[in-house]
Amino acid sequence: MYKILSLSCILFLLGCGPLGPVPGGELSGTVRTFPDNWASAHDIEIIQIETRPGNPYSVNIGAWPLGRISTSQRAKGPKRTGSNIYALKAIRVENEAEQAHVNELYAKKYALESEDADADTNEIWIFRLDPR
């Protein structure tokens, strides 16, 4: 009986949203407008992104606030920080100088040596979140 109850609780939690490295479904929370200032994002370690609006799939990712970046690839879906949801689009960063800037911010935020933070851009994709 306890095994069934435990398994049911685990499946329920996994279905509510991403939990660590395990993806979740549709995000829920309070929908907010795009903030004028993301300064508080420096304190946020993880954000959640939902993709596939027809069959929601959400994941946890790291976040580093920085300036504007221009690229053309986009991934649409709600983004959540805490209990707040923002309707944003994710635009892939492909410019090497901008990727290097993100790596510097990553190293600074997590007190890493800059060479430890260098992203292999063939394996790690960096996105900027813009209002829709």
Protein backbone atom coordinates (compact mmCIF):
# COMPACT_ATOMS: atom_id res chain seq x y z
CA MET A 1 0.00 0.00 0.00
CA TYR A 2 2.80 2.43 0.94
CA LYS A 3 4.63 1.68 -2.32
CA ILE A 4 1.55 2.58 -4.37
CA LEU A 5 0.97 5.75 -2.33
CA SER A 6 4.65 6.76 -2.66
CA LEU A 7 4.66 6.10 -6.40
CA SER A 8 1.42 8.09 -6.80
CA CYS A 9 2.91 11.06 -4.92
CA ILE A 10 6.09 10.98 -7.02
CA LEU A 11 4.12 10.83 -10.28
CA PHE A 12 1.90 13.70 -9.10
CA LEU A 13 4.92 15.88 -8.26
CA LEU A 14 6.60 15.12 -11.59
CA GLY A 15 3.44 16.11 -13.45
CA CYS A 16 3.20 19.48 -11.71
CA GLY A 17 6.32 20.98 -13.20
CA PRO A 18 9.96 20.26 -13.67
CA LEU A 19 11.64 18.75 -10.62
CA GLY A 20 15.43 18.96 -10.81
CA PRO A 21 16.57 17.34 -14.06
CA VAL A 22 13.17 15.67 -14.64
CA PRO A 23 10.92 17.62 -17.06
CA GLY A 24 7.37 18.57 -16.17
CA GLY A 25 4.20 19.59 -17.97
CA GLU A 26 2.28 22.85 -18.22
CA LEU A 27 3.48 25.64 -15.93
CA SER A 28 1.02 27.28 -13.54
CA GLY A 29 1.22 30.51 -11.58
CA THR A 30 0.35 34.20 -11.77
CA VAL A 31 0.77 35.65 -15.28
CA ARG A 32 2.70 38.94 -15.11
CA THR A 33 3.63 41.57 -17.68
CA PHE A 34 7.23 41.84 -18.87
CA PRO A 35 9.10 43.82 -16.16
CA ASP A 36 10.93 47.04 -17.05
CA ASN A 37 13.86 45.97 -14.89
CA TRP A 38 15.23 42.46 -14.41
CA ALA A 39 17.77 43.54 -11.75
CA SER A 40 16.26 41.10 -9.25
CA ALA A 41 17.08 38.24 -11.64
CA HIS A 42 20.67 38.28 -10.35
CA ASP A 43 19.32 36.53 -7.24
CA ILE A 44 17.41 33.88 -9.23
CA GLU A 45 19.30 30.61 -9.71
CA ILE A 46 16.76 28.68 -11.82
CA ILE A 47 13.89 29.56 -14.13
CA GLN A 48 11.41 27.18 -15.71
CA ILE A 49 10.61 27.23 -19.42
CA GLU A 50 7.62 25.57 -21.07
CA THR A 51 7.79 24.51 -24.71
CA ARG A 52 5.38 22.68 -27.03
CA PRO A 53 2.14 24.59 -26.26
CA GLY A 54 0.01 21.74 -27.69
CA ASN A 55 1.70 19.16 -25.44
CA PRO A 56 3.39 21.21 -22.67
CA TYR A 57 6.91 20.21 -21.66
CA SER A 58 8.77 22.27 -19.05
CA VAL A 59 12.38 22.25 -17.87
CA ASN A 60 14.61 24.02 -15.32
CA ILE A 61 17.44 26.20 -16.62
CA GLY A 62 19.98 28.63 -15.15
CA ALA A 63 19.49 32.38 -15.66
CA TRP A 64 21.89 35.35 -15.96
CA PRO A 65 20.57 38.85 -16.68
CA LEU A 66 22.45 40.82 -19.34
CA GLY A 67 21.93 43.34 -22.12
CA ARG A 68 20.20 42.88 -25.47
CA ILE A 69 21.41 40.24 -27.91
CA SER A 70 20.28 39.88 -31.54
CA THR A 71 19.71 36.48 -33.17
CA SER A 72 17.01 34.89 -35.29
CA GLN A 73 16.12 31.50 -33.76
CA ARG A 74 13.16 31.50 -31.36
CA ALA A 75 11.53 29.09 -28.90
CA LYS A 76 8.10 30.20 -27.66
CA GLY A 77 6.33 29.30 -24.41
CA PRO A 78 5.75 30.67 -20.92
CA LYS A 79 8.67 31.21 -18.55
CA ARG A 80 8.29 31.00 -14.76
CA THR A 81 10.31 32.44 -11.88
CA GLY A 82 8.92 31.49 -8.48
CA SER A 83 5.14 31.60 -8.88
CA ASN A 84 5.24 34.30 -11.60
CA ILE A 85 4.77 33.40 -15.27
CA TYR A 86 5.95 35.67 -18.11
CA ALA A 87 4.87 35.20 -21.75
CA LEU A 88 8.28 35.47 -23.42
CA LYS A 89 10.11 34.15 -26.44
CA ALA A 90 13.54 32.56 -26.23
CA ILE A 91 15.98 33.71 -28.91
CA ARG A 92 19.16 31.70 -29.41
CA VAL A 93 22.45 33.57 -28.94
CA GLU A 94 24.86 32.58 -31.71
CA ASN A 95 27.30 35.51 -31.68
CA GLU A 96 30.61 34.34 -30.16
CA ALA A 97 31.30 37.66 -28.39
CA GLU A 98 27.86 37.59 -26.77
CA GLN A 99 28.33 33.94 -25.77
CA ALA A 100 31.67 34.88 -24.16
CA HIS A 101 29.90 37.68 -22.25
CA VAL A 102 27.33 35.20 -20.91
CA ASN A 103 30.16 32.86 -19.86
CA GLU A 104 31.78 35.74 -17.93
CA LEU A 105 28.49 36.48 -16.15
CA TYR A 106 28.08 32.78 -15.36
CA ALA A 107 31.60 32.59 -13.90
CA LYS A 108 31.01 35.73 -11.82
CA LYS A 109 27.61 34.58 -10.51
CA TYR A 110 28.92 31.17 -9.43
CA ALA A 111 32.45 32.28 -8.44
CA LEU A 112 34.15 30.11 -11.08
CA GLU A 113 37.40 30.56 -12.91
CA SER A 114 36.51 31.92 -16.37
CA GLU A 115 38.00 28.88 -18.14
CA ASP A 116 35.70 26.62 -16.07
CA ALA A 117 32.66 28.54 -17.34
CA ASP A 118 33.50 28.44 -21.06
CA ALA A 119 30.58 26.88 -22.89
CA ASP A 120 31.10 24.49 -25.78
CA THR A 121 28.55 26.11 -28.08
CA ASN A 122 28.09 22.85 -29.96
CA GLU A 123 26.67 21.33 -26.76
CA ILE A 124 25.25 24.29 -24.81
CA TRP A 125 22.74 26.71 -26.30
CA ILE A 126 22.36 30.18 -24.78
CA PHE A 127 19.05 32.06 -25.14
CA ARG A 128 17.87 35.60 -24.49
CA LEU A 129 14.28 36.00 -23.24
CA ASP A 130 12.30 38.83 -24.84
CA PRO A 131 8.64 39.88 -24.58
CA ARG A 132 6.37 38.37 -27.23
